[in-house]
Amino acid sequence: MNNTTYSVKGNEIERKWYIIDAEGKPLGRVATEAARLLRGKHKPTFTPNMDVGDHVIVINCSKAILTGNKINQKVYRSHSGYIGGMKEVSAKDMLNDNPEKAMMLAIKGMLPHNSLGRESIKKLRVYAGSEHENQAQKPEKWEF
């Protein structure tokens, strides 16, 4: 009986392109599914120490919703590193002005905070509308 764990090799990784439609879906649910695809956790050949994930395109980010009272209470904070350099943007303003950034931040927060996560986030494309410029890659629609 062979009790060794299978580990995928670099030349065995196959990457596909998936498209996720965020219209009418909660922002966090879309983000978890995108992070799962980017990591490759949906594949039987998932290897935790390698980037085996697929490319993900998220469209209609401007039509994603926030449940509960998050639209009024959630605040995005960033700091420049200088004294008094904290910036705060409400979720309502972020979704109106820059819905791609809101989706990107949600997905990035669900990826590992190391070199693996930095490599995975490069395979993500986010669009506010329904048009995207990746038709040449023939993305498959991902339903969840």
C-alpha atoms as a PDB file:
ATOM      1  CA  MET A   1       0.000   0.000   0.000  1.00  0.00           C
ATOM      2  CA  ASN A   2       1.367   3.368  -1.069  1.00  0.00           C
ATOM      3  CA  ASN A   3       0.818   6.086   1.571  1.00  0.00           C
ATOM      4  CA  THR A   4       2.450   8.997  -0.238  1.00  0.00           C
ATOM      5  CA  THR A   5       0.667  12.271  -0.859  1.00  0.00           C
ATOM      6  CA  TYR A   6       0.490  13.329  -4.488  1.00  0.00           C
ATOM      7  CA  SER A   7       2.161  16.660  -5.196  1.00  0.00           C
ATOM      8  CA  VAL A   8       1.627  18.328  -8.554  1.00  0.00           C
ATOM      9  CA  LYS A   9       4.739  19.311 -10.543  1.00  0.00           C
ATOM     10  CA  GLY A  10       5.162  22.713 -12.191  1.00  0.00           C
ATOM     11  CA  ASN A  11       4.831  21.373 -15.734  1.00  0.00           C
ATOM     12  CA  GLU A  12       1.610  19.467 -14.880  1.00  0.00           C
ATOM     13  CA  ILE A  13      -0.397  22.581 -13.945  1.00  0.00           C
ATOM     14  CA  GLU A  14      -3.251  23.332 -16.346  1.00  0.00           C
ATOM     15  CA  ARG A  15      -4.858  26.741 -16.101  1.00  0.00           C
ATOM     16  CA  LYS A  16      -8.354  27.551 -17.311  1.00  0.00           C
ATOM     17  CA  TRP A  17     -10.212  30.866 -17.523  1.00  0.00           C
ATOM     18  CA  TYR A  18     -13.456  31.355 -15.592  1.00  0.00           C
ATOM     19  CA  ILE A  19     -15.904  34.236 -15.615  1.00  0.00           C
ATOM     20  CA  ILE A  20     -18.044  35.117 -12.581  1.00  0.00           C
ATOM     21  CA  ASP A  21     -21.074  37.419 -12.876  1.00  0.00           C
ATOM     22  CA  ALA A  22     -21.505  39.419  -9.644  1.00  0.00           C
ATOM     23  CA  GLU A  23     -24.872  40.930 -10.608  1.00  0.00           C
ATOM     24  CA  GLY A  24     -27.322  40.722  -7.695  1.00  0.00           C
ATOM     25  CA  LYS A  25     -24.983  38.542  -5.620  1.00  0.00           C
ATOM     26  CA  PRO A  26     -23.416  39.486  -2.265  1.00  0.00           C
ATOM     27  CA  LEU A  27     -19.913  40.897  -2.664  1.00  0.00           C
ATOM     28  CA  GLY A  28     -18.410  38.495  -0.116  1.00  0.00           C
ATOM     29  CA  ARG A  29     -19.925  35.380  -1.705  1.00  0.00           C
ATOM     30  CA  VAL A  30     -18.514  36.319  -5.090  1.00  0.00           C
ATOM     31  CA  ALA A  31     -15.135  37.068  -3.477  1.00  0.00           C
ATOM     32  CA  THR A  32     -14.926  33.682  -1.713  1.00  0.00           C
ATOM     33  CA  GLU A  33     -15.683  31.824  -4.932  1.00  0.00           C
ATOM     34  CA  ALA A  34     -13.126  33.878  -6.878  1.00  0.00           C
ATOM     35  CA  ALA A  35     -10.478  33.298  -4.183  1.00  0.00           C
ATOM     36  CA  ARG A  36     -11.218  29.557  -4.266  1.00  0.00           C
ATOM     37  CA  LEU A  37     -10.698  29.455  -8.040  1.00  0.00           C
ATOM     38  CA  LEU A  38      -7.539  31.602  -7.857  1.00  0.00           C
ATOM     39  CA  ARG A  39      -6.017  29.247  -5.259  1.00  0.00           C
ATOM     40  CA  GLY A  40      -7.051  26.117  -7.181  1.00  0.00           C
ATOM     41  CA  LYS A  41      -8.956  24.542  -4.283  1.00  0.00           C
ATOM     42  CA  HIS A  42     -11.642  23.263  -6.678  1.00  0.00           C
ATOM     43  CA  LYS A  43      -9.112  20.959  -8.362  1.00  0.00           C
ATOM     44  CA  PRO A  44      -8.309  17.412  -7.235  1.00  0.00           C
ATOM     45  CA  THR A  45      -4.621  18.235  -7.835  1.00  0.00           C
ATOM     46  CA  PHE A  46      -4.615  21.105  -5.288  1.00  0.00           C
ATOM     47  CA  THR A  47      -1.196  21.531  -3.691  1.00  0.00           C
ATOM     48  CA  PRO A  48      -1.033  24.027  -0.792  1.00  0.00           C
ATOM     49  CA  ASN A  49       2.525  25.191  -1.453  1.00  0.00           C
ATOM     50  CA  MET A  50       2.098  25.833  -5.197  1.00  0.00           C
ATOM     51  CA  ASP A  51       0.068  28.219  -7.312  1.00  0.00           C
ATOM     52  CA  VAL A  52      -2.217  25.775  -9.157  1.00  0.00           C
ATOM     53  CA  GLY A  53      -5.177  28.156  -9.527  1.00  0.00           C
ATOM     54  CA  ASP A  54      -6.999  29.367 -12.603  1.00  0.00           C
ATOM     55  CA  HIS A  55      -7.542  32.808 -14.124  1.00  0.00           C
ATOM     56  CA  VAL A  56     -10.723  34.564 -12.964  1.00  0.00           C
ATOM     57  CA  ILE A  57     -12.694  37.404 -14.567  1.00  0.00           C
ATOM     58  CA  VAL A  58     -15.319  39.101 -12.377  1.00  0.00           C
ATOM     59  CA  ILE A  59     -17.883  41.200 -14.265  1.00  0.00           C
ATOM     60  CA  ASN A  60     -20.738  43.476 -13.112  1.00  0.00           C
ATOM     61  CA  CYS A  61     -18.981  44.471  -9.860  1.00  0.00           C
ATOM     62  CA  SER A  62     -21.040  47.665  -9.757  1.00  0.00           C
ATOM     63  CA  LYS A  63     -24.186  45.515  -9.413  1.00  0.00           C
ATOM     64  CA  ALA A  64     -22.899  43.434  -6.472  1.00  0.00           C
ATOM     65  CA  ILE A  65     -24.811  43.971  -3.231  1.00  0.00           C
ATOM     66  CA  LEU A  66     -23.924  44.272   0.434  1.00  0.00           C
ATOM     67  CA  THR A  67     -26.320  42.552   2.839  1.00  0.00           C
ATOM     68  CA  GLY A  68     -27.570  43.886   6.138  1.00  0.00           C
ATOM     69  CA  ASN A  69     -26.589  47.451   7.031  1.00  0.00           C
ATOM     70  CA  LYS A  70     -23.031  47.124   5.677  1.00  0.00           C
ATOM     71  CA  ILE A  71     -23.667  49.722   2.969  1.00  0.00           C
ATOM     72  CA  ASN A  72     -23.944  52.362   5.735  1.00  0.00           C
ATOM     73  CA  GLN A  73     -21.624  50.923   8.417  1.00  0.00           C
ATOM     74  CA  LYS A  74     -18.668  49.378   6.550  1.00  0.00           C
ATOM     75  CA  VAL A  75     -15.601  51.612   6.170  1.00  0.00           C
ATOM     76  CA  TYR A  76     -12.520  50.970   4.044  1.00  0.00           C
ATOM     77  CA  ARG A  77      -9.386  52.291   5.788  1.00  0.00           C
ATOM     78  CA  SER A  78      -5.888  52.780   4.409  1.00  0.00           C
ATOM     79  CA  HIS A  79      -2.818  54.413   5.881  1.00  0.00           C
ATOM     80  CA  SER A  80       0.046  56.086   4.043  1.00  0.00           C
ATOM     81  CA  GLY A  81       2.498  55.455   6.877  1.00  0.00           C
ATOM     82  CA  TYR A  82       2.827  59.143   7.697  1.00  0.00           C
ATOM     83  CA  ILE A  83       1.378  60.887  10.742  1.00  0.00           C
ATOM     84  CA  GLY A  84      -2.274  61.687  10.105  1.00  0.00           C
ATOM     85  CA  GLY A  85      -2.140  59.670   6.892  1.00  0.00           C
ATOM     86  CA  MET A  86      -5.246  57.523   7.475  1.00  0.00           C
ATOM     87  CA  LYS A  87      -7.921  57.683   4.799  1.00  0.00           C
ATOM     88  CA  GLU A  88     -11.447  56.388   5.284  1.00  0.00           C
ATOM     89  CA  VAL A  89     -13.965  55.677   2.536  1.00  0.00           C
ATOM     90  CA  SER A  90     -17.483  54.424   3.255  1.00  0.00           C
ATOM     91  CA  ALA A  91     -18.722  51.311   1.475  1.00  0.00           C
ATOM     92  CA  LYS A  92     -21.454  53.310  -0.260  1.00  0.00           C
ATOM     93  CA  ASP A  93     -18.876  55.705  -1.764  1.00  0.00           C
ATOM     94  CA  MET A  94     -16.490  52.877  -2.665  1.00  0.00           C
ATOM     95  CA  LEU A  95     -19.202  50.903  -4.500  1.00  0.00           C
ATOM     96  CA  ASN A  96     -20.366  54.034  -6.352  1.00  0.00           C
ATOM     97  CA  ASP A  97     -16.936  55.424  -7.267  1.00  0.00           C
ATOM     98  CA  ASN A  98     -14.711  52.352  -7.578  1.00  0.00           C
ATOM     99  CA  PRO A  99     -16.578  48.992  -7.429  1.00  0.00           C
ATOM    100  CA  GLU A 100     -13.582  47.181  -8.957  1.00  0.00           C
ATOM    101  CA  LYS A 101     -11.388  48.178  -5.994  1.00  0.00           C
ATOM    102  CA  ALA A 102     -14.011  47.002  -3.476  1.00  0.00           C
ATOM    103  CA  MET A 103     -14.164  43.568  -5.155  1.00  0.00           C
ATOM    104  CA  MET A 104     -10.374  43.402  -5.501  1.00  0.00           C
ATOM    105  CA  LEU A 105      -9.855  44.188  -1.797  1.00  0.00           C
ATOM    106  CA  ALA A 106     -12.413  41.559  -0.764  1.00  0.00           C
ATOM    107  CA  ILE A 107     -10.760  38.859  -2.884  1.00  0.00           C
ATOM    108  CA  LYS A 108      -7.215  39.879  -1.903  1.00  0.00           C
ATOM    109  CA  GLY A 109      -8.104  39.601   1.780  1.00  0.00           C
ATOM    110  CA  MET A 110      -9.176  35.976   1.262  1.00  0.00           C
ATOM    111  CA  LEU A 111      -5.905  34.917  -0.348  1.00  0.00           C
ATOM    112  CA  PRO A 112      -2.755  33.980   1.620  1.00  0.00           C
ATOM    113  CA  HIS A 113      -0.761  37.006   2.777  1.00  0.00           C
ATOM    114  CA  ASN A 114       2.536  35.800   1.329  1.00  0.00           C
ATOM    115  CA  SER A 115       4.282  35.355  -2.029  1.00  0.00           C
ATOM    116  CA  LEU A 116       1.703  32.725  -3.045  1.00  0.00           C
ATOM    117  CA  GLY A 117      -1.143  35.201  -2.582  1.00  0.00           C
ATOM    118  CA  ARG A 118       0.729  37.932  -4.444  1.00  0.00           C
ATOM    119  CA  GLU A 119       1.217  35.534  -7.352  1.00  0.00           C
ATOM    120  CA  SER A 120      -2.435  34.436  -7.298  1.00  0.00           C
ATOM    121  CA  ILE A 121      -3.910  37.957  -7.369  1.00  0.00           C
ATOM    122  CA  LYS A 122      -2.161  38.598 -10.706  1.00  0.00           C
ATOM    123  CA  LYS A 123      -4.551  36.099 -12.336  1.00  0.00           C
ATOM    124  CA  LEU A 124      -7.600  38.191 -11.408  1.00  0.00           C
ATOM    125  CA  ARG A 125      -9.364  40.638 -13.742  1.00  0.00           C
ATOM    126  CA  VAL A 126     -12.187  42.791 -12.361  1.00  0.00           C
ATOM    127  CA  TYR A 127     -14.655  44.863 -14.398  1.00  0.00           C
ATOM    128  CA  ALA A 128     -17.465  47.169 -13.212  1.00  0.00           C
ATOM    129  CA  GLY A 129     -19.665  46.475 -16.250  1.00  0.00           C
ATOM    130  CA  SER A 130     -20.584  43.414 -18.268  1.00  0.00           C
ATOM    131  CA  GLU A 131     -17.952  44.029 -20.966  1.00  0.00           C
ATOM    132  CA  HIS A 132     -14.489  42.501 -20.628  1.00  0.00           C
ATOM    133  CA  GLU A 133     -11.487  42.317 -22.926  1.00  0.00           C
ATOM    134  CA  ASN A 134     -10.614  38.646 -22.448  1.00  0.00           C
ATOM    135  CA  GLN A 135     -12.813  36.973 -25.096  1.00  0.00           C
ATOM    136  CA  ALA A 136      -9.698  35.550 -26.778  1.00  0.00           C
ATOM    137  CA  GLN A 137      -9.067  33.307 -23.748  1.00  0.00           C
ATOM    138  CA  LYS A 138     -12.549  31.704 -24.129  1.00  0.00           C
ATOM    139  CA  PRO A 139     -13.542  31.902 -20.448  1.00  0.00           C
ATOM    140  CA  GLU A 140     -16.099  29.445 -19.073  1.00  0.00           C
ATOM    141  CA  LYS A 141     -19.005  30.726 -16.984  1.00  0.00           C
ATOM    142  CA  TRP A 142     -18.696  29.670 -13.331  1.00  0.00           C
ATOM    143  CA  GLU A 143     -21.971  29.093 -11.452  1.00  0.00           C
ATOM    144  CA  PHE A 144     -22.150  28.729  -7.685  1.00  0.00           C
END
